Amino acid sequence: MLPNMAERERRLLSLEQRNQTLMEKIRSLQKANANLRQMNSRLREENEVFKSTEEILLRDNDKIKKKVLQLKELQESLQDDIYVLEEQLCACTCQGENKRGETIEPFQL
């Protein structure tokens, strides 16, 4: 063979090897890309679930806050009622004491 021909064959073999190596890398990258797409799809699904869960928790939190406010208002109302009842009891006790001459201690919380 001529030296030019041998050199060309050697270059051709080298190019074919590089081409084969590049094709293997492309296949590997394609597999990795497919895996990443699957992971991305799963992450999107999980994100939707988390968003839905977050909305439910926020809604429940708002309900709980409203209930706590209602209970605080009820507590204040009950405390007002207790105060009125204590005043009435004291008034009754004072009137009864005047009639019977005995002392009754007022109701205390």
PDB file of N, CA and C in Angstrom:
ATOM      1  N   MET A   1       0.814  -1.168   0.000  1.00  0.00           N
ATOM      2  CA  MET A   1       0.000   0.000   0.000  1.00  0.00           C
ATOM      3  C   MET A   1       0.874   1.254   0.000  1.00  0.00           C
ATOM      4  N   LEU A   2       0.284   2.254  -0.526  1.00  0.00           N
ATOM      5  CA  LEU A   2       0.969   3.533  -0.550  1.00  0.00           C
ATOM      6  C   LEU A   2       0.860   4.206   0.814  1.00  0.00           C
ATOM      7  N   PRO A   3       1.860   5.016   1.148  1.00  0.00           N
ATOM      8  CA  PRO A   3       1.817   5.663   2.458  1.00  0.00           C
ATOM      9  C   PRO A   3       0.582   6.522   2.639  1.00  0.00           C
ATOM     10  N   ASN A   4       0.150   7.193   1.603  1.00  0.00           N
ATOM     11  CA  ASN A   4      -1.062   8.026   1.720  1.00  0.00           C
ATOM     12  C   ASN A   4      -2.289   7.178   1.993  1.00  0.00           C
ATOM     13  N   MET A   5      -2.332   6.033   1.358  1.00  0.00           N
ATOM     14  CA  MET A   5      -3.477   5.137   1.531  1.00  0.00           C
ATOM     15  C   MET A   5      -3.509   4.586   2.953  1.00  0.00           C
ATOM     16  N   ALA A   6      -2.387   4.210   3.486  1.00  0.00           N
ATOM     17  CA  ALA A   6      -2.308   3.680   4.852  1.00  0.00           C
ATOM     18  C   ALA A   6      -2.699   4.770   5.854  1.00  0.00           C
ATOM     19  N   GLU A   7      -2.229   5.969   5.589  1.00  0.00           N
ATOM     20  CA  GLU A   7      -2.568   7.102   6.475  1.00  0.00           C
ATOM     21  C   GLU A   7      -4.066   7.374   6.442  1.00  0.00           C
ATOM     22  N   ARG A   8      -4.664   7.300   5.264  1.00  0.00           N
ATOM     23  CA  ARG A   8      -6.105   7.534   5.119  1.00  0.00           C
ATOM     24  C   ARG A   8      -6.907   6.464   5.857  1.00  0.00           C
ATOM     25  N   GLU A   9      -6.460   5.217   5.734  1.00  0.00           N
ATOM     26  CA  GLU A   9      -7.164   4.129   6.423  1.00  0.00           C
ATOM     27  C   GLU A   9      -7.060   4.295   7.937  1.00  0.00           C
ATOM     28  N   ARG A  10      -5.885   4.662   8.394  1.00  0.00           N
ATOM     29  CA  ARG A  10      -5.699   4.890   9.817  1.00  0.00           C
ATOM     30  C   ARG A  10      -6.614   6.037  10.301  1.00  0.00           C
ATOM     31  N   ARG A  11      -6.681   7.106   9.537  1.00  0.00           N
ATOM     32  CA  ARG A  11      -7.572   8.221   9.889  1.00  0.00           C
ATOM     33  C   ARG A  11      -9.031   7.792   9.866  1.00  0.00           C
ATOM     34  N   LEU A  12      -9.371   7.017   8.855  1.00  0.00           N
ATOM     35  CA  LEU A  12     -10.753   6.542   8.737  1.00  0.00           C
ATOM     36  C   LEU A  12     -11.136   5.690   9.937  1.00  0.00           C
ATOM     37  N   LEU A  13     -10.226   4.767  10.332  1.00  0.00           N
ATOM     38  CA  LEU A  13     -10.482   3.944  11.512  1.00  0.00           C
ATOM     39  C   LEU A  13     -10.614   4.811  12.761  1.00  0.00           C
ATOM     40  N   SER A  14      -9.763   5.789  12.889  1.00  0.00           N
ATOM     41  CA  SER A  14      -9.814   6.687  14.031  1.00  0.00           C
ATOM     42  C   SER A  14     -11.141   7.461  14.051  1.00  0.00           C
ATOM     43  N   LEU A  15     -11.542   7.936  12.889  1.00  0.00           N
ATOM     44  CA  LEU A  15     -12.822   8.662  12.797  1.00  0.00           C
ATOM     45  C   LEU A  15     -14.002   7.749  13.106  1.00  0.00           C
ATOM     46  N   GLU A  16     -13.952   6.509  12.638  1.00  0.00           N
ATOM     47  CA  GLU A  16     -15.031   5.560  12.924  1.00  0.00           C
ATOM     48  C   GLU A  16     -15.106   5.250  14.417  1.00  0.00           C
ATOM     49  N   GLN A  17     -13.936   5.115  15.056  1.00  0.00           N
ATOM     50  CA  GLN A  17     -13.926   4.871  16.508  1.00  0.00           C
ATOM     51  C   GLN A  17     -14.500   6.064  17.267  1.00  0.00           C
ATOM     52  N   ARG A  18     -14.088   7.263  16.870  1.00  0.00           N
ATOM     53  CA  ARG A  18     -14.636   8.469  17.521  1.00  0.00           C
ATOM     54  C   ARG A  18     -16.136   8.587  17.280  1.00  0.00           C
ATOM     55  N   ASN A  19     -16.532   8.244  16.044  1.00  0.00           N
ATOM     56  CA  ASN A  19     -17.955   8.291  15.713  1.00  0.00           C
ATOM     57  C   ASN A  19     -18.727   7.297  16.577  1.00  0.00           C
ATOM     58  N   GLN A  20     -18.190   6.089  16.740  1.00  0.00           N
ATOM     59  CA  GLN A  20     -18.847   5.072  17.568  1.00  0.00           C
ATOM     60  C   GLN A  20     -18.916   5.538  19.028  1.00  0.00           C
ATOM     61  N   THR A  21     -17.823   6.120  19.525  1.00  0.00           N
ATOM     62  CA  THR A  21     -17.801   6.637  20.893  1.00  0.00           C
ATOM     63  C   THR A  21     -18.843   7.741  21.065  1.00  0.00           C
ATOM     64  N   LEU A  22     -18.919   8.631  20.090  1.00  0.00           N
ATOM     65  CA  LEU A  22     -19.912   9.715  20.141  1.00  0.00           C
ATOM     66  C   LEU A  22     -21.342   9.166  20.105  1.00  0.00           C
ATOM     67  N   MET A  23     -21.566   8.157  19.281  1.00  0.00           N
ATOM     68  CA  MET A  23     -22.908   7.545  19.199  1.00  0.00           C
ATOM     69  C   MET A  23     -23.287   6.901  20.534  1.00  0.00           C
ATOM     70  N   GLU A  24     -22.318   6.255  21.192  1.00  0.00           N
ATOM     71  CA  GLU A  24     -22.582   5.674  22.511  1.00  0.00           C
ATOM     72  C   GLU A  24     -22.919   6.767  23.522  1.00  0.00           C
ATOM     73  N   LYS A  25     -22.181   7.874  23.453  1.00  0.00           N
ATOM     74  CA  LYS A  25     -22.468   8.993  24.355  1.00  0.00           C
ATOM     75  C   LYS A  25     -23.855   9.564  24.079  1.00  0.00           C
ATOM     76  N   ILE A  26     -24.218   9.659  22.800  1.00  0.00           N
ATOM     77  CA  ILE A  26     -25.555  10.164  22.441  1.00  0.00           C
ATOM     78  C   ILE A  26     -26.635   9.249  23.008  1.00  0.00           C
ATOM     79  N   ARG A  27     -26.459   7.920  22.844  1.00  0.00           N
ATOM     80  CA  ARG A  27     -27.452   6.980  23.389  1.00  0.00           C
ATOM     81  C   ARG A  27     -27.539   7.106  24.907  1.00  0.00           C
ATOM     82  N   SER A  28     -26.389   7.257  25.548  1.00  0.00           N
ATOM     83  CA  SER A  28     -26.361   7.411  27.003  1.00  0.00           C
ATOM     84  C   SER A  28     -27.086   8.694  27.420  1.00  0.00           C
ATOM     85  N   LEU A  29     -26.828   9.777  26.701  1.00  0.00           N
ATOM     86  CA  LEU A  29     -27.501  11.055  27.004  1.00  0.00           C
ATOM     87  C   LEU A  29     -29.002  10.973  26.734  1.00  0.00           C
ATOM     88  N   GLN A  30     -29.389  10.243  25.698  1.00  0.00           N
ATOM     89  CA  GLN A  30     -30.814  10.080  25.405  1.00  0.00           C
ATOM     90  C   GLN A  30     -31.518   9.318  26.535  1.00  0.00           C
ATOM     91  N   LYS A  31     -30.852   8.270  27.043  1.00  0.00           N
ATOM     92  CA  LYS A  31     -31.420   7.530  28.180  1.00  0.00           C
ATOM     93  C   LYS A  31     -31.531   8.431  29.403  1.00  0.00           C
ATOM     94  N   ALA A  32     -30.464   9.189  29.656  1.00  0.00           N
ATOM     95  CA  ALA A  32     -30.481  10.098  30.805  1.00  0.00           C
ATOM     96  C   ALA A  32     -31.582  11.137  30.637  1.00  0.00           C
ATOM     97  N   ASN A  33     -31.746  11.638  29.424  1.00  0.00           N
ATOM     98  CA  ASN A  33     -32.797  12.622  29.155  1.00  0.00           C
ATOM     99  C   ASN A  33     -34.181  12.021  29.392  1.00  0.00           C
ATOM    100  N   ALA A  34     -34.382  10.788  28.942  1.00  0.00           N
ATOM    101  CA  ALA A  34     -35.670  10.115  29.158  1.00  0.00           C
ATOM    102  C   ALA A  34     -35.927   9.946  30.661  1.00  0.00           C
ATOM    103  N   ASN A  35     -34.885   9.556  31.398  1.00  0.00           N
ATOM    104  CA  ASN A  35     -35.039   9.415  32.853  1.00  0.00           C
ATOM    105  C   ASN A  35     -35.371  10.749  33.507  1.00  0.00           C
ATOM    106  N   LEU A  36     -34.700  11.807  33.076  1.00  0.00           N
ATOM    107  CA  LEU A  36     -34.977  13.135  33.627  1.00  0.00           C
ATOM    108  C   LEU A  36     -36.402  13.590  33.312  1.00  0.00           C
ATOM    109  N   ARG A  37     -36.887  13.270  32.127  1.00  0.00           N
ATOM    110  CA  ARG A  37     -38.275  13.624  31.772  1.00  0.00           C
ATOM    111  C   ARG A  37     -39.263  12.888  32.668  1.00  0.00           C
ATOM    112  N   GLN A  38     -38.979  11.606  32.940  1.00  0.00           N
ATOM    113  CA  GLN A  38     -39.856  10.850  33.839  1.00  0.00           C
ATOM    114  C   GLN A  38     -39.832  11.446  35.238  1.00  0.00           C
ATOM    115  N   MET A  39     -38.643  11.763  35.712  1.00  0.00           N
ATOM    116  CA  MET A  39     -38.527  12.368  37.047  1.00  0.00           C
ATOM    117  C   MET A  39     -39.258  13.708  37.087  1.00  0.00           C
ATOM    118  N   ASN A  40     -39.116  14.493  36.047  1.00  0.00           N
ATOM    119  CA  ASN A  40     -39.785  15.790  35.970  1.00  0.00           C
ATOM    120  C   ASN A  40     -41.301  15.616  36.003  1.00  0.00           C
ATOM    121  N   SER A  41     -41.775  14.630  35.287  1.00  0.00           N
ATOM    122  CA  SER A  41     -43.212  14.355  35.274  1.00  0.00           C
ATOM    123  C   SER A  41     -43.713  13.964  36.665  1.00  0.00           C
ATOM    124  N   ARG A  42     -42.953  13.085  37.342  1.00  0.00           N
ATOM    125  CA  ARG A  42     -43.335  12.680  38.702  1.00  0.00           C
ATOM    126  C   ARG A  42     -43.303  13.869  39.657  1.00  0.00           C
ATOM    127  N   LEU A  43     -42.279  14.708  39.512  1.00  0.00           N
ATOM    128  CA  LEU A  43     -42.175  15.883  40.380  1.00  0.00           C
ATOM    129  C   LEU A  43     -43.336  16.849  40.148  1.00  0.00           C
ATOM    130  N   ARG A  44     -43.764  16.978  38.905  1.00  0.00           N
ATOM    131  CA  ARG A  44     -44.937  17.822  38.621  1.00  0.00           C
ATOM    132  C   ARG A  44     -46.178  17.258  39.306  1.00  0.00           C
ATOM    133  N   GLU A  45     -46.347  15.946  39.221  1.00  0.00           N
ATOM    134  CA  GLU A  45     -47.492  15.313  39.880  1.00  0.00           C
ATOM    135  C   GLU A  45     -47.440  15.533  41.391  1.00  0.00           C
ATOM    136  N   GLU A  46     -46.256  15.318  41.974  1.00  0.00           N
ATOM    137  CA  GLU A  46     -46.102  15.520  43.415  1.00  0.00           C
ATOM    138  C   GLU A  46     -46.358  16.971  43.788  1.00  0.00           C
ATOM    139  N   ASN A  47     -45.909  17.885  42.945  1.00  0.00           N
ATOM    140  CA  ASN A  47     -46.125  19.304  43.190  1.00  0.00           C
ATOM    141  C   ASN A  47     -47.617  19.627  43.213  1.00  0.00           C
ATOM    142  N   GLU A  48     -48.373  19.028  42.311  1.00  0.00           N
ATOM    143  CA  GLU A  48     -49.827  19.232  42.291  1.00  0.00           C
ATOM    144  C   GLU A  48     -50.465  18.713  43.581  1.00  0.00           C
ATOM    145  N   VAL A  49     -49.994  17.554  44.043  1.00  0.00           N
ATOM    146  CA  VAL A  49     -50.511  16.993  45.287  1.00  0.00           C
ATOM    147  C   VAL A  49     -50.180  17.929  46.449  1.00  0.00           C
ATOM    148  N   PHE A  50     -48.950  18.435  46.489  1.00  0.00           N
ATOM    149  CA  PHE A  50     -48.554  19.343  47.563  1.00  0.00           C
ATOM    150  C   PHE A  50     -49.378  20.626  47.523  1.00  0.00           C
ATOM    151  N   LYS A  51     -49.619  21.147  46.316  1.00  0.00           N
ATOM    152  CA  LYS A  51     -50.428  22.365  46.191  1.00  0.00           C
ATOM    153  C   LYS A  51     -51.832  22.121  46.720  1.00  0.00           C
ATOM    154  N   SER A  52     -52.400  20.996  46.346  1.00  0.00           N
ATOM    155  CA  SER A  52     -53.740  20.642  46.801  1.00  0.00           C
ATOM    156  C   SER A  52     -53.770  20.504  48.320  1.00  0.00           C
ATOM    157  N   THR A  53     -52.758  19.821  48.867  1.00  0.00           N
ATOM    158  CA  THR A  53     -52.673  19.641  50.318  1.00  0.00           C
ATOM    159  C   THR A  53     -52.512  20.979  51.011  1.00  0.00           C
ATOM    160  N   GLU A  54     -51.696  21.852  50.440  1.00  0.00           N
ATOM    161  CA  GLU A  54     -51.489  23.179  51.025  1.00  0.00           C
ATOM    162  C   GLU A  54     -52.796  23.965  51.058  1.00  0.00           C
ATOM    163  N   GLU A  55     -53.562  23.896  49.969  1.00  0.00           N
ATOM    164  CA  GLU A  55     -54.850  24.600  49.922  1.00  0.00           C
ATOM    165  C   GLU A  55     -55.786  24.075  51.005  1.00  0.00           C
ATOM    166  N   ILE A  56     -55.821  22.765  51.180  1.00  0.00           N
ATOM    167  CA  ILE A  56     -56.680  22.167  52.201  1.00  0.00           C
ATOM    168  C   ILE A  56     -56.237  22.622  53.585  1.00  0.00           C
ATOM    169  N   LEU A  57     -54.930  22.602  53.846  1.00  0.00           N
ATOM    170  CA  LEU A  57     -54.418  23.015  55.150  1.00  0.00           C
ATOM    171  C   LEU A  57     -54.700  24.488  55.418  1.00  0.00           C
ATOM    172  N   LEU A  58     -54.544  25.322  54.422  1.00  0.00           N
ATOM    173  CA  LEU A  58     -54.838  26.749  54.598  1.00  0.00           C
ATOM    174  C   LEU A  58     -56.320  26.964  54.891  1.00  0.00           C
ATOM    175  N   ARG A  59     -57.173  26.221  54.196  1.00  0.00           N
ATOM    176  CA  ARG A  59     -58.620  26.322  54.431  1.00  0.00           C
ATOM    177  C   ARG A  59     -58.951  25.860  55.844  1.00  0.00           C
ATOM    178  N   ASP A  60     -58.364  24.730  56.257  1.00  0.00           N
ATOM    179  CA  ASP A  60     -58.598  24.229  57.617  1.00  0.00           C
ATOM    180  C   ASP A  60     -58.081  25.215  58.656  1.00  0.00           C
ATOM    181  N   ASN A  61     -56.940  25.818  58.386  1.00  0.00           N
ATOM    182  CA  ASN A  61     -56.364  26.796  59.300  1.00  0.00           C
ATOM    183  C   ASN A  61     -57.303  27.996  59.465  1.00  0.00           C
ATOM    184  N   ASP A  62     -57.875  28.449  58.368  1.00  0.00           N
ATOM    185  CA  ASP A  62     -58.827  29.559  58.442  1.00  0.00           C
ATOM    186  C   ASP A  62     -60.052  29.175  59.274  1.00  0.00           C
ATOM    187  N   LYS A  63     -60.538  27.944  59.087  1.00  0.00           N
ATOM    188  CA  LYS A  63     -61.691  27.481  59.873  1.00  0.00           C
ATOM    189  C   LYS A  63     -61.348  27.450  61.365  1.00  0.00           C
ATOM    190  N   ILE A  64     -60.154  26.973  61.667  1.00  0.00           N
ATOM    191  CA  ILE A  64     -59.725  26.884  63.074  1.00  0.00           C
ATOM    192  C   ILE A  64     -59.611  28.278  63.672  1.00  0.00           C
ATOM    193  N   LYS A  65     -59.051  29.213  62.921  1.00  0.00           N
ATOM    194  CA  LYS A  65     -58.927  30.597  63.409  1.00  0.00           C
ATOM    195  C   LYS A  65     -60.310  31.185  63.702  1.00  0.00           C
ATOM    196  N   LYS A  66     -61.268  30.948  62.817  1.00  0.00           N
ATOM    197  CA  LYS A  66     -62.624  31.453  63.029  1.00  0.00           C
ATOM    198  C   LYS A  66     -63.243  30.824  64.277  1.00  0.00           C
ATOM    199  N   LYS A  67     -63.031  29.520  64.450  1.00  0.00           N
ATOM    200  CA  LYS A  67     -63.585  28.823  65.609  1.00  0.00           C
ATOM    201  C   LYS A  67     -62.962  29.356  66.898  1.00  0.00           C
ATOM    202  N   VAL A  68     -61.646  29.591  66.894  1.00  0.00           N
ATOM    203  CA  VAL A  68     -60.969  30.135  68.070  1.00  0.00           C
ATOM    204  C   VAL A  68     -61.545  31.507  68.406  1.00  0.00           C
ATOM    205  N   LEU A  69     -61.765  32.329  67.383  1.00  0.00           N
ATOM    206  CA  LEU A  69     -62.349  33.652  67.608  1.00  0.00           C
ATOM    207  C   LEU A  69     -63.746  33.528  68.215  1.00  0.00           C
ATOM    208  N   GLN A  70     -64.542  32.610  67.688  1.00  0.00           N
ATOM    209  CA  GLN A  70     -65.883  32.384  68.240  1.00  0.00           C
ATOM    210  C   GLN A  70     -65.801  31.953  69.699  1.00  0.00           C
ATOM    211  N   LEU A  71     -64.866  31.057  70.001  1.00  0.00           N
ATOM    212  CA  LEU A  71     -64.726  30.575  71.375  1.00  0.00           C
ATOM    213  C   LEU A  71     -64.265  31.691  72.309  1.00  0.00           C
ATOM    214  N   LYS A  72     -63.392  32.566  71.839  1.00  0.00           N
ATOM    215  CA  LYS A  72     -62.964  33.703  72.656  1.00  0.00           C
ATOM    216  C   LYS A  72     -64.143  34.633  72.944  1.00  0.00           C
ATOM    217  N   GLU A  73     -64.945  34.873  71.912  1.00  0.00           N
ATOM    218  CA  GLU A  73     -66.121  35.721  72.094  1.00  0.00           C
ATOM    219  C   GLU A  73     -67.096  35.076  73.075  1.00  0.00           C
ATOM    220  N   LEU A  74     -67.288  33.771  72.964  1.00  0.00           N
ATOM    221  CA  LEU A  74     -68.162  33.054  73.885  1.00  0.00           C
ATOM    222  C   LEU A  74     -67.615  33.124  75.303  1.00  0.00           C
ATOM    223  N   GLN A  75     -66.312  32.974  75.457  1.00  0.00           N
ATOM    224  CA  GLN A  75     -65.694  33.054  76.775  1.00  0.00           C
ATOM    225  C   GLN A  75     -65.935  34.429  77.389  1.00  0.00           C
ATOM    226  N   GLU A  76     -65.741  35.475  76.599  1.00  0.00           N
ATOM    227  CA  GLU A  76     -65.976  36.832  77.101  1.00  0.00           C
ATOM    228  C   GLU A  76     -67.431  37.007  77.525  1.00  0.00           C
ATOM    229  N   SER A  77     -68.340  36.485  76.713  1.00  0.00           N
ATOM    230  CA  SER A  77     -69.766  36.583  77.036  1.00  0.00           C
ATOM    231  C   SER A  77     -70.089  35.837  78.327  1.00  0.00           C
ATOM    232  N   LEU A  78     -69.499  34.637  78.461  1.00  0.00           N
ATOM    233  CA  LEU A  78     -69.735  33.852  79.677  1.00  0.00           C
ATOM    234  C   LEU A  78     -69.147  34.539  80.904  1.00  0.00           C
ATOM    235  N   GLN A  79     -67.996  35.166  80.733  1.00  0.00           N
ATOM    236  CA  GLN A  79     -67.405  35.894  81.852  1.00  0.00           C
ATOM    237  C   GLN A  79     -68.296  37.066  82.258  1.00  0.00           C
ATOM    238  N   ASP A  80     -68.867  37.733  81.265  1.00  0.00           N
ATOM    239  CA  ASP A  80     -69.816  38.824  81.563  1.00  0.00           C
ATOM    240  C   ASP A  80     -71.029  38.277  82.310  1.00  0.00           C
ATOM    241  N   ASP A  81     -71.539  37.131  81.849  1.00  0.00           N
ATOM    242  CA  ASP A  81     -72.699  36.512  82.507  1.00  0.00           C
ATOM    243  C   ASP A  81     -72.362  36.123  83.947  1.00  0.00           C
ATOM    244  N   ILE A  82     -71.169  35.582  84.151  1.00  0.00           N
ATOM    245  CA  ILE A  82     -70.755  35.193  85.513  1.00  0.00           C
ATOM    246  C   ILE A  82     -70.688  36.426  86.404  1.00  0.00           C
ATOM    247  N   TYR A  83     -70.155  37.513  85.872  1.00  0.00           N
ATOM    248  CA  TYR A  83     -70.064  38.750  86.653  1.00  0.00           C
ATOM    249  C   TYR A  83     -71.462  39.212  87.062  1.00  0.00           C
ATOM    250  N   VAL A  84     -72.398  39.199  86.115  1.00  0.00           N
ATOM    251  CA  VAL A  84     -73.774  39.618  86.407  1.00  0.00           C
ATOM    252  C   VAL A  84     -74.394  38.698  87.461  1.00  0.00           C
ATOM    253  N   LEU A  85     -74.165  37.392  87.309  1.00  0.00           N
ATOM    254  CA  LEU A  85     -74.727  36.442  88.269  1.00  0.00           C
ATOM    255  C   LEU A  85     -74.117  36.636  89.664  1.00  0.00           C
ATOM    256  N   GLU A  86     -72.821  36.933  89.700  1.00  0.00           N
ATOM    257  CA  GLU A  86     -72.194  37.188  90.997  1.00  0.00           C
ATOM    258  C   GLU A  86     -72.789  38.436  91.645  1.00  0.00           C
ATOM    259  N   GLU A  87     -73.011  39.451  90.845  1.00  0.00           N
ATOM    260  CA  GLU A  87     -73.622  40.680  91.367  1.00  0.00           C
ATOM    261  C   GLU A  87     -75.030  40.399  91.885  1.00  0.00           C
ATOM    262  N   GLN A  88     -75.784  39.619  91.127  1.00  0.00           N
ATOM    263  CA  GLN A  88     -77.141  39.276  91.552  1.00  0.00           C
ATOM    264  C   GLN A  88     -77.111  38.438  92.830  1.00  0.00           C
ATOM    265  N   LEU A  89     -76.180  37.496  92.904  1.00  0.00           N
ATOM    266  CA  LEU A  89     -76.061  36.662  94.090  1.00  0.00           C
ATOM    267  C   LEU A  89     -75.687  37.504  95.298  1.00  0.00           C
ATOM    268  N   CYS A  90     -74.779  38.421  95.081  1.00  0.00           N
ATOM    269  CA  CYS A  90     -74.368  39.302  96.173  1.00  0.00           C
ATOM    270  C   CYS A  90     -75.551  40.140  96.640  1.00  0.00           C
ATOM    271  N   ALA A  91     -76.325  40.650  95.684  1.00  0.00           N
ATOM    272  CA  ALA A  91     -77.492  41.463  96.039  1.00  0.00           C
ATOM    273  C   ALA A  91     -78.495  40.621  96.816  1.00  0.00           C
ATOM    274  N   CYS A  92     -78.707  39.376  96.358  1.00  0.00           N
ATOM    275  CA  CYS A  92     -79.640  38.494  97.057  1.00  0.00           C
ATOM    276  C   CYS A  92     -79.119  38.158  98.448  1.00  0.00           C
ATOM    277  N   THR A  93     -77.820  37.919  98.542  1.00  0.00           N
ATOM    278  CA  THR A  93     -77.206  37.572  99.824  1.00  0.00           C
ATOM    279  C   THR A  93     -77.327  38.727 100.793  1.00  0.00           C
ATOM    280  N   CYS A  94     -77.087  39.908 100.273  1.00  0.00           N
ATOM    281  CA  CYS A  94     -77.178  41.094 101.140  1.00  0.00           C
ATOM    282  C   CYS A  94     -78.603  41.293 101.631  1.00  0.00           C
ATOM    283  N   GLN A  95     -79.562  41.089 100.773  1.00  0.00           N
ATOM    284  CA  GLN A  95     -80.962  41.244 101.179  1.00  0.00           C
ATOM    285  C   GLN A  95     -81.346  40.154 102.176  1.00  0.00           C
ATOM    286  N   GLY A  96     -80.898  38.940 101.925  1.00  0.00           N
ATOM    287  CA  GLY A  96     -81.189  37.828 102.828  1.00  0.00           C
ATOM    288  C   GLY A  96     -80.509  38.017 104.160  1.00  0.00           C
ATOM    289  N   GLU A  97     -79.325  38.579 104.149  1.00  0.00           N
ATOM    290  CA  GLU A  97     -78.585  38.806 105.382  1.00  0.00           C
ATOM    291  C   GLU A  97     -79.332  39.818 106.250  1.00  0.00           C
ATOM    292  N   ASN A  98     -79.845  40.808 105.601  1.00  0.00           N
ATOM    293  CA  ASN A  98     -80.596  41.813 106.354  1.00  0.00           C
ATOM    294  C   ASN A  98     -81.842  41.202 106.997  1.00  0.00           C
ATOM    295  N   LYS A  99     -82.460  40.270 106.315  1.00  0.00           N
ATOM    296  CA  LYS A  99     -83.672  39.660 106.843  1.00  0.00           C
ATOM    297  C   LYS A  99     -83.369  38.634 107.921  1.00  0.00           C
ATOM    298  N   ARG A 100     -82.294  37.816 107.722  1.00  0.00           N
ATOM    299  CA  ARG A 100     -82.028  36.719 108.647  1.00  0.00           C
ATOM    300  C   ARG A 100     -80.879  37.003 109.600  1.00  0.00           C
ATOM    301  N   GLY A 101     -80.066  37.959 109.254  1.00  0.00           N
ATOM    302  CA  GLY A 101     -78.936  38.258 110.115  1.00  0.00           C
ATOM    303  C   GLY A 101     -77.774  37.297 109.940  1.00  0.00           C
ATOM    304  N   GLU A 102     -77.678  36.605 108.820  1.00  0.00           N
ATOM    305  CA  GLU A 102     -76.559  35.681 108.597  1.00  0.00           C
ATOM    306  C   GLU A 102     -75.784  36.100 107.364  1.00  0.00           C
ATOM    307  N   THR A 103     -74.512  35.691 107.286  1.00  0.00           N
ATOM    308  CA  THR A 103     -73.651  36.069 106.169  1.00  0.00           C
ATOM    309  C   THR A 103     -73.388  34.853 105.296  1.00  0.00           C
ATOM    310  N   ILE A 104     -73.552  35.035 103.983  1.00  0.00           N
ATOM    311  CA  ILE A 104     -73.244  33.995 103.011  1.00  0.00           C
ATOM    312  C   ILE A 104     -72.162  34.545 102.104  1.00  0.00           C
ATOM    313  N   GLU A 105     -71.088  33.768 101.944  1.00  0.00           N
ATOM    314  CA  GLU A 105     -69.982  34.224 101.107  1.00  0.00           C
ATOM    315  C   GLU A 105     -70.416  34.221  99.621  1.00  0.00           C
ATOM    316  N   PRO A 106     -70.020  35.264  98.878  1.00  0.00           N
ATOM    317  CA  PRO A 106     -70.358  35.288  97.444  1.00  0.00           C
ATOM    318  C   PRO A 106     -69.571  34.227  96.669  1.00  0.00           C
ATOM    319  N   PHE A 107     -70.156  33.783  95.570  1.00  0.00           N
ATOM    320  CA  PHE A 107     -69.541  32.778  94.712  1.00  0.00           C
ATOM    321  C   PHE A 107     -68.279  33.338  94.087  1.00  0.00           C
ATOM    322  N   GLN A 108     -67.189  32.582  94.160  1.00  0.00           N
ATOM    323  CA  GLN A 108     -65.931  33.037  93.563  1.00  0.00           C
ATOM    324  C   GLN A 108     -65.420  32.003  92.580  1.00  0.00           C
ATOM    325  N   LEU A 109     -64.784  32.489  91.546  1.00  0.00           N
ATOM    326  CA  LEU A 109     -64.194  31.596  90.525  1.00  0.00           C
ATOM    327  C   LEU A 109     -62.777  31.264  90.862  1.00  0.00           C
TER     328      LEU A 109
END
